[in-house]
PDB file of N, CA and C in Angstrom:
ATOM      1  N   UNK A   1     112.852  66.117  91.246  1.00  0.00           N
ATOM      2  CA  UNK A   1     112.422  65.970  92.635  1.00  0.00           C
ATOM      3  C   UNK A   1     111.631  64.667  92.747  1.00  0.00           C
ATOM      4  N   UNK A   2     111.953  63.869  93.758  1.00  0.00           N
ATOM      5  CA  UNK A   2     111.287  62.579  93.981  1.00  0.00           C
ATOM      6  C   UNK A   2     110.830  62.478  95.428  1.00  0.00           C
ATOM      7  N   UNK A   3     109.897  61.566  95.660  1.00  0.00           N
ATOM      8  CA  UNK A   3     109.430  61.289  97.015  1.00  0.00           C
ATOM      9  C   UNK A   3     110.128  60.031  97.525  1.00  0.00           C
ATOM     10  N   UNK A   4     110.463  60.049  98.823  1.00  0.00           N
ATOM     11  CA  UNK A   4     111.162  58.937  99.446  1.00  0.00           C
ATOM     12  C   UNK A   4     110.450  58.529 100.727  1.00  0.00           C
ATOM     13  N   UNK A   5     110.485  57.235 100.995  1.00  0.00           N
ATOM     14  CA  UNK A   5     109.949  56.679 102.226  1.00  0.00           C
ATOM     15  C   UNK A   5     111.130  56.326 103.121  1.00  0.00           C
ATOM     16  N   UNK A   6     111.108  56.827 104.340  1.00  0.00           N
ATOM     17  CA  UNK A   6     112.122  56.487 105.333  1.00  0.00           C
ATOM     18  C   UNK A   6     111.479  55.508 106.303  1.00  0.00           C
ATOM     19  N   UNK A   7     111.935  54.270 106.317  1.00  0.00           N
ATOM     20  CA  UNK A   7     111.408  53.238 107.212  1.00  0.00           C
ATOM     21  C   UNK A   7     112.310  53.145 108.430  1.00  0.00           C
ATOM     22  N   UNK A   8     111.714  53.229 109.613  1.00  0.00           N
ATOM     23  CA  UNK A   8     112.479  53.236 110.858  1.00  0.00           C
ATOM     24  C   UNK A   8     112.428  51.863 111.503  1.00  0.00           C
ATOM     25  N   UNK A   9     113.607  51.320 111.809  1.00  0.00           N
ATOM     26  CA  UNK A   9     113.707  50.013 112.466  1.00  0.00           C
ATOM     27  C   UNK A   9     114.578  50.127 113.701  1.00  0.00           C
ATOM     28  N   UNK A  10     114.198  49.368 114.736  1.00  0.00           N
ATOM     29  CA  UNK A  10     115.019  49.238 115.933  1.00  0.00           C
ATOM     30  C   UNK A  10     115.068  50.499 116.774  1.00  0.00           C
ATOM     31  N   UNK A  11     116.047  50.514 117.682  1.00  0.00           N
ATOM     32  CA  UNK A  11     116.218  51.644 118.585  1.00  0.00           C
ATOM     33  C   UNK A  11     115.391  51.559 119.850  1.00  0.00           C
ATOM     34  N   UNK A  12     114.535  50.560 119.970  1.00  0.00           N
ATOM     35  CA  UNK A  12     113.613  50.478 121.110  1.00  0.00           C
ATOM     36  C   UNK A  12     114.304  50.167 122.425  1.00  0.00           C
ATOM     37  N   UNK A  13     115.309  49.318 122.410  1.00  0.00           N
ATOM     38  CA  UNK A  13     115.946  48.898 123.662  1.00  0.00           C
ATOM     39  C   UNK A  13     116.501  50.090 124.423  1.00  0.00           C
ATOM     40  N   UNK A  14     117.136  51.007 123.745  1.00  0.00           N
ATOM     41  CA  UNK A  14     117.717  52.158 124.423  1.00  0.00           C
ATOM     42  C   UNK A  14     116.665  53.208 124.755  1.00  0.00           C
ATOM     43  N   UNK A  15     115.536  53.204 124.060  1.00  0.00           N
ATOM     44  CA  UNK A  15     114.474  54.182 124.335  1.00  0.00           C
ATOM     45  C   UNK A  15     113.668  53.807 125.567  1.00  0.00           C
ATOM     46  N   UNK A  16     113.728  52.554 126.014  1.00  0.00           N
ATOM     47  CA  UNK A  16     112.928  52.090 127.140  1.00  0.00           C
ATOM     48  C   UNK A  16     113.180  52.930 128.380  1.00  0.00           C
ATOM     49  N   UNK A  17     114.448  53.244 128.665  1.00  0.00           N
ATOM     50  CA  UNK A  17     114.766  54.070 129.833  1.00  0.00           C
ATOM     51  C   UNK A  17     114.125  55.448 129.710  1.00  0.00           C
ATOM     52  N   UNK A  18     114.144  56.015 128.525  1.00  0.00           N
ATOM     53  CA  UNK A  18     113.528  57.329 128.318  1.00  0.00           C
ATOM     54  C   UNK A  18     112.020  57.274 128.552  1.00  0.00           C
ATOM     55  N   UNK A  19     111.379  56.199 128.110  1.00  0.00           N
ATOM     56  CA  UNK A  19     109.937  56.087 128.246  1.00  0.00           C
ATOM     57  C   UNK A  19     109.515  56.027 129.705  1.00  0.00           C
ATOM     58  N   UNK A  20     110.379  55.542 130.591  1.00  0.00           N
ATOM     59  CA  UNK A  20     110.052  55.450 132.013  1.00  0.00           C
ATOM     60  C   UNK A  20     110.161  56.796 132.719  1.00  0.00           C
ATOM     61  N   UNK A  21     110.883  57.718 132.149  1.00  0.00           N
ATOM     62  CA  UNK A  21     111.097  59.033 132.740  1.00  0.00           C
ATOM     63  C   UNK A  21     110.367  60.076 131.885  1.00  0.00           C
ATOM     64  N   UNK A  22     109.266  60.656 132.397  1.00  0.00           N
ATOM     65  CA  UNK A  22     108.470  61.594 131.597  1.00  0.00           C
ATOM     66  C   UNK A  22     109.278  62.778 131.045  1.00  0.00           C
ATOM     67  N   UNK A  23     110.239  63.260 131.795  1.00  0.00           N
ATOM     68  CA  UNK A  23     111.030  64.401 131.326  1.00  0.00           C
ATOM     69  C   UNK A  23     111.929  63.976 130.160  1.00  0.00           C
ATOM     70  N   UNK A  24     112.577  62.815 130.297  1.00  0.00           N
ATOM     71  CA  UNK A  24     113.428  62.316 129.210  1.00  0.00           C
ATOM     72  C   UNK A  24     112.596  61.972 127.975  1.00  0.00           C
ATOM     73  N   UNK A  25     111.417  61.396 128.213  1.00  0.00           N
ATOM     74  CA  UNK A  25     110.554  61.011 127.085  1.00  0.00           C
ATOM     75  C   UNK A  25     110.091  62.250 126.333  1.00  0.00           C
ATOM     76  N   UNK A  26     109.706  63.286 127.055  1.00  0.00           N
ATOM     77  CA  UNK A  26     109.276  64.537 126.417  1.00  0.00           C
ATOM     78  C   UNK A  26     110.426  65.141 125.607  1.00  0.00           C
ATOM     79  N   UNK A  27     111.644  65.097 126.153  1.00  0.00           N
ATOM     80  CA  UNK A  27     112.807  65.613 125.432  1.00  0.00           C
ATOM     81  C   UNK A  27     113.047  64.818 124.152  1.00  0.00           C
ATOM     82  N   UNK A  28     112.873  63.499 124.242  1.00  0.00           N
ATOM     83  CA  UNK A  28     113.033  62.638 123.065  1.00  0.00           C
ATOM     84  C   UNK A  28     111.999  62.995 121.993  1.00  0.00           C
ATOM     85  N   UNK A  29     110.750  63.145 122.405  1.00  0.00           N
ATOM     86  CA  UNK A  29     109.696  63.494 121.446  1.00  0.00           C
ATOM     87  C   UNK A  29     109.938  64.863 120.818  1.00  0.00           C
ATOM     88  N   UNK A  30     110.492  65.791 121.584  1.00  0.00           N
ATOM     89  CA  UNK A  30     110.803  67.118 121.051  1.00  0.00           C
ATOM     90  C   UNK A  30     111.884  67.036 119.965  1.00  0.00           C
ATOM     91  N   UNK A  31     112.825  66.114 120.115  1.00  0.00           N
ATOM     92  CA  UNK A  31     113.837  65.933 119.075  1.00  0.00           C
ATOM     93  C   UNK A  31     113.187  65.520 117.760  1.00  0.00           C
ATOM     94  N   UNK A  32     112.210  64.601 117.856  1.00  0.00           N
ATOM     95  CA  UNK A  32     111.480  64.182 116.656  1.00  0.00           C
ATOM     96  C   UNK A  32     110.722  65.357 116.052  1.00  0.00           C
ATOM     97  N   UNK A  33     110.034  66.117 116.898  1.00  0.00           N
ATOM     98  CA  UNK A  33     109.260  67.268 116.406  1.00  0.00           C
ATOM     99  C   UNK A  33     110.184  68.283 115.739  1.00  0.00           C
ATOM    100  N   UNK A  34     111.305  68.570 116.362  1.00  0.00           N
ATOM    101  CA  UNK A  34     112.258  69.532 115.803  1.00  0.00           C
ATOM    102  C   UNK A  34     112.770  69.069 114.441  1.00  0.00           C
ATOM    103  N   UNK A  35     113.120  67.779 114.338  1.00  0.00           N
ATOM    104  CA  UNK A  35     113.617  67.241 113.077  1.00  0.00           C
ATOM    105  C   UNK A  35     112.547  67.327 111.987  1.00  0.00           C
ATOM    106  N   UNK A  36     111.313  66.894 112.309  1.00  0.00           N
ATOM    107  CA  UNK A  36     110.249  66.927 111.305  1.00  0.00           C
ATOM    108  C   UNK A  36     109.862  68.363 110.945  1.00  0.00           C
ATOM    109  N   UNK A  37     109.868  69.263 111.928  1.00  0.00           N
ATOM    110  CA  UNK A  37     109.599  70.676 111.635  1.00  0.00           C
ATOM    111  C   UNK A  37     110.652  71.253 110.693  1.00  0.00           C
ATOM    112  N   UNK A  38     111.916  70.868 110.894  1.00  0.00           N
ATOM    113  CA  UNK A  38     112.981  71.382 110.013  1.00  0.00           C
ATOM    114  C   UNK A  38     112.788  70.872 108.589  1.00  0.00           C
ATOM    115  N   UNK A  39     112.345  69.606 108.440  1.00  0.00           N
ATOM    116  CA  UNK A  39     112.039  69.083 107.110  1.00  0.00           C
ATOM    117  C   UNK A  39     110.888  69.866 106.475  1.00  0.00           C
ATOM    118  N   UNK A  40     109.857  70.162 107.271  1.00  0.00           N
ATOM    119  CA  UNK A  40     108.702  70.903 106.771  1.00  0.00           C
ATOM    120  C   UNK A  40     109.093  72.320 106.341  1.00  0.00           C
ATOM    121  N   UNK A  41     109.929  72.976 107.126  1.00  0.00           N
ATOM    122  CA  UNK A  41     110.368  74.334 106.788  1.00  0.00           C
ATOM    123  C   UNK A  41     111.142  74.378 105.479  1.00  0.00           C
ATOM    124  N   UNK A  42     111.813  73.285 105.144  1.00  0.00           N
ATOM    125  CA  UNK A  42     112.571  73.191 103.895  1.00  0.00           C
ATOM    126  C   UNK A  42     111.685  72.728 102.728  1.00  0.00           C
ATOM    127  N   UNK A  43     110.404  72.444 103.021  1.00  0.00           N
ATOM    128  CA  UNK A  43     109.504  71.944 101.997  1.00  0.00           C
ATOM    129  C   UNK A  43     109.755  70.494 101.639  1.00  0.00           C
ATOM    130  N   UNK A  44     110.358  69.739 102.554  1.00  0.00           N
ATOM    131  CA  UNK A  44     110.736  68.346 102.288  1.00  0.00           C
ATOM    132  C   UNK A  44     109.812  67.328 102.952  1.00  0.00           C
ATOM    133  N   UNK A  45     109.049  67.719 103.956  1.00  0.00           N
ATOM    134  CA  UNK A  45     108.210  66.790 104.720  1.00  0.00           C
ATOM    135  C   UNK A  45     106.879  66.580 104.021  1.00  0.00           C
ATOM    136  N   UNK A  46     106.520  65.318 103.810  1.00  0.00           N
ATOM    137  CA  UNK A  46     105.217  64.977 103.228  1.00  0.00           C
ATOM    138  C   UNK A  46     104.286  64.453 104.309  1.00  0.00           C
ATOM    139  N   UNK A  47     104.770  63.544 105.155  1.00  0.00           N
ATOM    140  CA  UNK A  47     103.950  62.980 106.220  1.00  0.00           C
ATOM    141  C   UNK A  47     104.679  61.840 106.895  1.00  0.00           C
ATOM    142  N   UNK A  48     104.068  61.298 107.941  1.00  0.00           N
ATOM    143  CA  UNK A  48     104.663  60.173 108.634  1.00  0.00           C
ATOM    144  C   UNK A  48     103.928  59.871 109.919  1.00  0.00           C
ATOM    145  N   UNK A  49     104.124  58.662 110.416  1.00  0.00           N
ATOM    146  CA  UNK A  49     103.456  58.214 111.635  1.00  0.00           C
ATOM    147  C   UNK A  49     104.263  57.097 112.283  1.00  0.00           C
ATOM    148  N   UNK A  50     104.167  56.992 113.619  1.00  0.00           N
ATOM    149  CA  UNK A  50     104.680  55.777 114.262  1.00  0.00           C
ATOM    150  C   UNK A  50     103.695  54.642 113.999  1.00  0.00           C
ATOM    151  N   UNK A  51     104.158  53.425 114.094  1.00  0.00           N
ATOM    152  CA  UNK A  51     103.297  52.263 113.905  1.00  0.00           C
ATOM    153  C   UNK A  51     103.096  51.554 115.234  1.00  0.00           C
ATOM    154  N   UNK A  52     101.908  50.988 115.428  1.00  0.00           N
ATOM    155  CA  UNK A  52     101.621  50.198 116.617  1.00  0.00           C
ATOM    156  C   UNK A  52     102.404  48.898 116.597  1.00  0.00           C
ATOM    157  N   UNK A  53     102.504  48.257 117.753  1.00  0.00           N
ATOM    158  CA  UNK A  53     103.283  47.017 117.825  1.00  0.00           C
ATOM    159  C   UNK A  53     102.477  45.789 117.419  1.00  0.00           C
ATOM    160  N   UNK A  54     101.154  45.870 117.462  1.00  0.00           N
ATOM    161  CA  UNK A  54     100.315  44.742 117.067  1.00  0.00           C
ATOM    162  C   UNK A  54     100.045  44.800 115.575  1.00  0.00           C
ATOM    163  N   UNK A  55      99.889  43.644 114.970  1.00  0.00           N
ATOM    164  CA  UNK A  55      99.584  43.597 113.552  1.00  0.00           C
ATOM    165  C   UNK A  55      99.256  42.192 113.129  1.00  0.00           C
ATOM    166  N   UNK A  56      99.008  42.034 111.863  1.00  0.00           N
ATOM    167  CA  UNK A  56      98.759  40.728 111.259  1.00  0.00           C
ATOM    168  C   UNK A  56      99.553  40.644 109.974  1.00  0.00           C
ATOM    169  N   UNK A  57      99.894  39.405 109.598  1.00  0.00           N
ATOM    170  CA  UNK A  57     100.627  39.166 108.370  1.00  0.00           C
ATOM    171  C   UNK A  57      99.789  38.238 107.501  1.00  0.00           C
ATOM    172  N   UNK A  58      99.548  38.634 106.258  1.00  0.00           N
ATOM    173  CA  UNK A  58      98.805  37.821 105.303  1.00  0.00           C
ATOM    174  C   UNK A  58      99.814  37.284 104.304  1.00  0.00           C
ATOM    175  N   UNK A  59      99.806  35.948 104.103  1.00  0.00           N
ATOM    176  CA  UNK A  59     100.853  35.316 103.317  1.00  0.00           C
ATOM    177  C   UNK A  59     100.284  34.447 102.205  1.00  0.00           C
ATOM    178  N   UNK A  60     100.868  34.567 101.028  1.00  0.00           N
ATOM    179  CA  UNK A  60     100.667  33.649  99.925  1.00  0.00           C
ATOM    180  C   UNK A  60      99.281  33.586  99.320  1.00  0.00           C
ATOM    181  N   UNK A  61      99.155  32.691  98.333  1.00  0.00           N
ATOM    182  CA  UNK A  61      97.902  32.565  97.590  1.00  0.00           C
ATOM    183  C   UNK A  61      96.763  32.022  98.451  1.00  0.00           C
ATOM    184  N   UNK A  62      97.095  31.329  99.555  1.00  0.00           N
ATOM    185  CA  UNK A  62      96.061  30.840 100.471  1.00  0.00           C
ATOM    186  C   UNK A  62      95.628  31.929 101.450  1.00  0.00           C
ATOM    187  N   UNK A  63      96.318  33.062 101.391  1.00  0.00           N
ATOM    188  CA  UNK A  63      95.985  34.224 102.221  1.00  0.00           C
ATOM    189  C   UNK A  63      95.948  33.870 103.705  1.00  0.00           C
ATOM    190  N   UNK A  64      96.940  33.130 104.141  1.00  0.00           N
ATOM    191  CA  UNK A  64      97.060  32.718 105.531  1.00  0.00           C
ATOM    192  C   UNK A  64      97.323  33.940 106.406  1.00  0.00           C
ATOM    193  N   UNK A  65      96.531  34.090 107.456  1.00  0.00           N
ATOM    194  CA  UNK A  65      96.666  35.230 108.355  1.00  0.00           C
ATOM    195  C   UNK A  65      97.271  34.756 109.675  1.00  0.00           C
ATOM    196  N   UNK A  66      98.346  35.421 110.101  1.00  0.00           N
ATOM    197  CA  UNK A  66      98.964  35.130 111.385  1.00  0.00           C
ATOM    198  C   UNK A  66      99.152  36.437 112.144  1.00  0.00           C
ATOM    199  N   UNK A  67      99.222  36.323 113.462  1.00  0.00           N
ATOM    200  CA  UNK A  67      99.563  37.487 114.261  1.00  0.00           C
ATOM    201  C   UNK A  67     101.015  37.822 113.992  1.00  0.00           C
ATOM    202  N   UNK A  68     101.352  39.078 114.145  1.00  0.00           N
ATOM    203  CA  UNK A  68     102.735  39.443 113.907  1.00  0.00           C
ATOM    204  C   UNK A  68     102.863  40.947 113.855  1.00  0.00           C
ATOM    205  N   UNK A  69     103.909  41.457 113.408  1.00  0.00           N
ATOM    206  CA  UNK A  69     105.073  40.733 112.909  1.00  0.00           C
ATOM    207  C   UNK A  69     105.921  40.212 114.056  1.00  0.00           C
ATOM    208  N   UNK A  70     106.396  38.979 113.937  1.00  0.00           N
ATOM    209  CA  UNK A  70     107.285  38.404 114.934  1.00  0.00           C
ATOM    210  C   UNK A  70     108.676  38.297 114.337  1.00  0.00           C
ATOM    211  N   UNK A  71     109.407  39.353 114.457  1.00  0.00           N
ATOM    212  CA  UNK A  71     110.786  39.372 113.994  1.00  0.00           C
ATOM    213  C   UNK A  71     111.640  39.899 115.121  1.00  0.00           C
ATOM    214  N   UNK A  72     112.912  39.814 114.955  1.00  0.00           N
ATOM    215  CA  UNK A  72     113.827  40.352 115.946  1.00  0.00           C
ATOM    216  C   UNK A  72     113.556  41.851 116.099  1.00  0.00           C
ATOM    217  N   UNK A  73     113.618  42.349 117.324  1.00  0.00           N
ATOM    218  CA  UNK A  73     113.265  43.731 117.627  1.00  0.00           C
ATOM    219  C   UNK A  73     113.918  44.761 116.736  1.00  0.00           C
ATOM    220  N   UNK A  74     115.173  44.544 116.370  1.00  0.00           N
ATOM    221  CA  UNK A  74     115.864  45.527 115.544  1.00  0.00           C
ATOM    222  C   UNK A  74     115.361  45.540 114.108  1.00  0.00           C
ATOM    223  N   UNK A  75     114.560  44.535 113.726  1.00  0.00           N
ATOM    224  CA  UNK A  75     114.053  44.455 112.363  1.00  0.00           C
ATOM    225  C   UNK A  75     112.610  44.951 112.231  1.00  0.00           C
ATOM    226  N   UNK A  76     111.941  45.175 113.336  1.00  0.00           N
ATOM    227  CA  UNK A  76     110.539  45.612 113.290  1.00  0.00           C
ATOM    228  C   UNK A  76     110.469  47.041 112.792  1.00  0.00           C
ATOM    229  N   UNK A  77     109.603  47.283 111.824  1.00  0.00           N
ATOM    230  CA  UNK A  77     109.376  48.645 111.336  1.00  0.00           C
ATOM    231  C   UNK A  77     108.520  49.361 112.365  1.00  0.00           C
ATOM    232  N   UNK A  78     109.068  50.412 112.953  1.00  0.00           N
ATOM    233  CA  UNK A  78     108.368  51.127 114.019  1.00  0.00           C
ATOM    234  C   UNK A  78     107.658  52.376 113.555  1.00  0.00           C
ATOM    235  N   UNK A  79     107.916  52.805 112.335  1.00  0.00           N
ATOM    236  CA  UNK A  79     107.278  54.006 111.819  1.00  0.00           C
ATOM    237  C   UNK A  79     107.901  54.397 110.495  1.00  0.00           C
ATOM    238  N   UNK A  80     107.414  55.503 109.968  1.00  0.00           N
ATOM    239  CA  UNK A  80     107.900  55.969 108.671  1.00  0.00           C
ATOM    240  C   UNK A  80     107.702  57.471 108.556  1.00  0.00           C
ATOM    241  N   UNK A  81     108.462  58.048 107.655  1.00  0.00           N
ATOM    242  CA  UNK A  81     108.290  59.437 107.243  1.00  0.00           C
ATOM    243  C   UNK A  81     108.448  59.457 105.732  1.00  0.00           C
ATOM    244  N   UNK A  82     107.620  60.244 105.065  1.00  0.00           N
ATOM    245  CA  UNK A  82     107.774  60.454 103.630  1.00  0.00           C
ATOM    246  C   UNK A  82     108.323  61.856 103.422  1.00  0.00           C
ATOM    247  N   UNK A  83     109.359  61.926 102.580  1.00  0.00           N
ATOM    248  CA  UNK A  83     109.991  63.210 102.301  1.00  0.00           C
ATOM    249  C   UNK A  83     110.102  63.417 100.798  1.00  0.00           C
ATOM    250  N   UNK A  84     110.371  64.649 100.421  1.00  0.00           N
ATOM    251  CA  UNK A  84     110.632  65.000  99.026  1.00  0.00           C
ATOM    252  C   UNK A  84     112.080  65.474  98.961  1.00  0.00           C
ATOM    253  N   UNK A  85     112.837  64.920  98.016  1.00  0.00           N
ATOM    254  CA  UNK A  85     114.248  65.282  97.888  1.00  0.00           C
ATOM    255  C   UNK A  85     114.627  65.335  96.413  1.00  0.00           C
ATOM    256  N   UNK A  86     115.704  66.054  96.121  1.00  0.00           N
ATOM    257  CA  UNK A  86     116.184  66.171  94.746  1.00  0.00           C
ATOM    258  C   UNK A  86     116.693  64.844  94.204  1.00  0.00           C
ATOM    259  N   UNK A  87     117.279  64.033  95.095  1.00  0.00           N
ATOM    260  CA  UNK A  87     117.797  62.739  94.697  1.00  0.00           C
ATOM    261  C   UNK A  87     118.015  61.890  95.955  1.00  0.00           C
ATOM    262  N   UNK A  88     118.445  60.656  95.742  1.00  0.00           N
ATOM    263  CA  UNK A  88     118.647  59.743  96.867  1.00  0.00           C
ATOM    264  C   UNK A  88     119.708  60.263  97.834  1.00  0.00           C
ATOM    265  N   UNK A  89     120.745  60.889  97.304  1.00  0.00           N
ATOM    266  CA  UNK A  89     121.792  61.448  98.156  1.00  0.00           C
ATOM    267  C   UNK A  89     121.250  62.483  99.123  1.00  0.00           C
ATOM    268  N   UNK A  90     120.376  63.360  98.627  1.00  0.00           N
ATOM    269  CA  UNK A  90     119.777  64.357  99.521  1.00  0.00           C
ATOM    270  C   UNK A  90     118.863  63.688 100.532  1.00  0.00           C
ATOM    271  N   UNK A  91     118.115  62.670 100.109  1.00  0.00           N
ATOM    272  CA  UNK A  91     117.234  61.950 101.035  1.00  0.00           C
ATOM    273  C   UNK A  91     118.044  61.313 102.155  1.00  0.00           C
ATOM    274  N   UNK A  92     119.190  60.770 101.823  1.00  0.00           N
ATOM    275  CA  UNK A  92     120.067  60.171 102.840  1.00  0.00           C
ATOM    276  C   UNK A  92     120.563  61.239 103.804  1.00  0.00           C
ATOM    277  N   UNK A  93     120.993  62.382 103.281  1.00  0.00           N
ATOM    278  CA  UNK A  93     121.483  63.458 104.144  1.00  0.00           C
ATOM    279  C   UNK A  93     120.388  63.956 105.079  1.00  0.00           C
ATOM    280  N   UNK A  94     119.167  64.109 104.567  1.00  0.00           N
ATOM    281  CA  UNK A  94     118.047  64.546 105.408  1.00  0.00           C
ATOM    282  C   UNK A  94     117.753  63.517 106.500  1.00  0.00           C
ATOM    283  N   UNK A  95     117.942  62.249 106.194  1.00  0.00           N
ATOM    284  CA  UNK A  95     117.691  61.171 107.154  1.00  0.00           C
ATOM    285  C   UNK A  95     118.664  61.194 108.323  1.00  0.00           C
ATOM    286  N   UNK A  96     119.855  61.688 108.098  1.00  0.00           N
ATOM    287  CA  UNK A  96     120.893  61.665 109.121  1.00  0.00           C
ATOM    288  C   UNK A  96     120.561  62.522 110.337  1.00  0.00           C
ATOM    289  N   UNK A  97     119.559  63.399 110.232  1.00  0.00           N
ATOM    290  CA  UNK A  97     119.144  64.206 111.375  1.00  0.00           C
ATOM    291  C   UNK A  97     118.106  63.523 112.258  1.00  0.00           C
ATOM    292  N   UNK A  98     117.686  62.325 111.888  1.00  0.00           N
ATOM    293  CA  UNK A  98     116.626  61.621 112.616  1.00  0.00           C
ATOM    294  C   UNK A  98     117.101  61.163 113.997  1.00  0.00           C
ATOM    295  N   UNK A  99     116.316  61.449 115.040  1.00  0.00           N
ATOM    296  CA  UNK A  99     116.671  61.041 116.401  1.00  0.00           C
ATOM    297  C   UNK A  99     116.785  59.530 116.603  1.00  0.00           C
ATOM    298  N   UNK A 100     116.191  58.727 115.759  1.00  0.00           N
ATOM    299  CA  UNK A 100     116.287  57.273 115.887  1.00  0.00           C
ATOM    300  C   UNK A 100     117.741  56.806 115.866  1.00  0.00           C
ATOM    301  N   UNK A 101     118.567  57.504 115.120  1.00  0.00           N
ATOM    302  CA  UNK A 101     119.968  57.110 114.990  1.00  0.00           C
ATOM    303  C   UNK A 101     120.728  57.265 116.301  1.00  0.00           C
ATOM    304  N   UNK A 102     120.244  58.119 117.194  1.00  0.00           N
ATOM    305  CA  UNK A 102     120.863  58.270 118.514  1.00  0.00           C
ATOM    306  C   UNK A 102     120.664  57.020 119.368  1.00  0.00           C
ATOM    307  N   UNK A 103     119.729  56.150 118.966  1.00  0.00           N
ATOM    308  CA  UNK A 103     119.391  54.939 119.716  1.00  0.00           C
ATOM    309  C   UNK A 103     119.759  53.682 118.937  1.00  0.00           C
ATOM    310  N   UNK A 104     120.731  53.833 118.040  1.00  0.00           N
ATOM    311  CA  UNK A 104     121.236  52.705 117.249  1.00  0.00           C
ATOM    312  C   UNK A 104     120.171  52.075 116.360  1.00  0.00           C
ATOM    313  N   UNK A 105     119.144  52.837 116.012  1.00  0.00           N
ATOM    314  CA  UNK A 105     118.150  52.364 115.058  1.00  0.00           C
ATOM    315  C   UNK A 105     118.689  52.467 113.642  1.00  0.00           C
ATOM    316  N   UNK A 106     117.923  51.957 112.700  1.00  0.00           N
ATOM    317  CA  UNK A 106     118.311  52.048 111.291  1.00  0.00           C
ATOM    318  C   UNK A 106     117.200  52.708 110.499  1.00  0.00           C
ATOM    319  N   UNK A 107     117.602  53.367 109.434  1.00  0.00           N
ATOM    320  CA  UNK A 107     116.650  54.021 108.532  1.00  0.00           C
ATOM    321  C   UNK A 107     116.898  53.468 107.135  1.00  0.00           C
ATOM    322  N   UNK A 108     115.847  52.940 106.551  1.00  0.00           N
ATOM    323  CA  UNK A 108     115.918  52.474 105.170  1.00  0.00           C
ATOM    324  C   UNK A 108     115.318  53.561 104.292  1.00  0.00           C
ATOM    325  N   UNK A 109     116.073  54.021 103.304  1.00  0.00           N
ATOM    326  CA  UNK A 109     115.629  55.086 102.397  1.00  0.00           C
ATOM    327  C   UNK A 109     115.221  54.436 101.084  1.00  0.00           C
ATOM    328  N   UNK A 110     113.950  54.612 100.711  1.00  0.00           N
ATOM    329  CA  UNK A 110     113.420  54.005  99.477  1.00  0.00           C
ATOM    330  C   UNK A 110     112.678  55.041  98.658  1.00  0.00           C
ATOM    331  N   UNK A 111     112.980  55.105  97.383  1.00  0.00           N
ATOM    332  CA  UNK A 111     112.265  56.014  96.488  1.00  0.00           C
ATOM    333  C   UNK A 111     110.866  55.468  96.221  1.00  0.00           C
ATOM    334  N   UNK A 112     109.874  56.342  96.261  1.00  0.00           N
ATOM    335  CA  UNK A 112     108.502  55.960  95.911  1.00  0.00           C
ATOM    336  C   UNK A 112     108.342  56.095  94.404  1.00  0.00           C
ATOM    337  N   UNK A 113     107.963  55.030  93.767  1.00  0.00           N
ATOM    338  CA  UNK A 113     107.802  55.011  92.321  1.00  0.00           C
ATOM    339  C   UNK A 113     106.321  55.140  91.958  1.00  0.00           C
ATOM    340  N   UNK A 114     106.068  55.629  90.756  1.00  0.00           N
ATOM    341  CA  UNK A 114     104.695  55.718  90.246  1.00  0.00           C
ATOM    342  C   UNK A 114     104.301  54.347  89.674  1.00  0.00           C
ATOM    343  N   UNK A 115     103.014  54.038  89.728  1.00  0.00           N
ATOM    344  CA  UNK A 115     102.539  52.746  89.236  1.00  0.00           C
ATOM    345  C   UNK A 115     102.623  52.601  87.734  1.00  0.00           C
ATOM    346  N   UNK A 116     102.586  53.649  87.004  1.00  0.00           N
ATOM    347  CA  UNK A 116     102.724  53.577  85.555  1.00  0.00           C
ATOM    348  C   UNK A 116     101.527  52.957  84.868  1.00  0.00           C
ATOM    349  N   UNK A 117     100.357  53.315  85.318  1.00  0.00           N
ATOM    350  CA  UNK A 117      99.142  52.766  84.714  1.00  0.00           C
ATOM    351  C   UNK A 117      98.709  53.605  83.535  1.00  0.00           C
TER     352      UNK A 117
END
């Protein structure tokens, strides 16, 4: 059994219409709750949060700080969920239930490794 990080990118353009309509937005949020609750019931959900749009980027040995991230909208990481799965294949299958995919978003599945100290 391993832990996986699901990074959510994109999907914002199609969600904008939902955000303007409180009933549609509530329905959208319920899809997320239902999906995460199903992961929890299976003992697969560890945690997760949406991310704010403001941030800073620290770069290189000079530790240069810039406002950001300024990337194309479909590349911005909008949130994450951590899950527990038997293997990467199961983590991918669990990811396929995510509502972000209904809005043409992408999910990056990454195994969390131990530091080995």
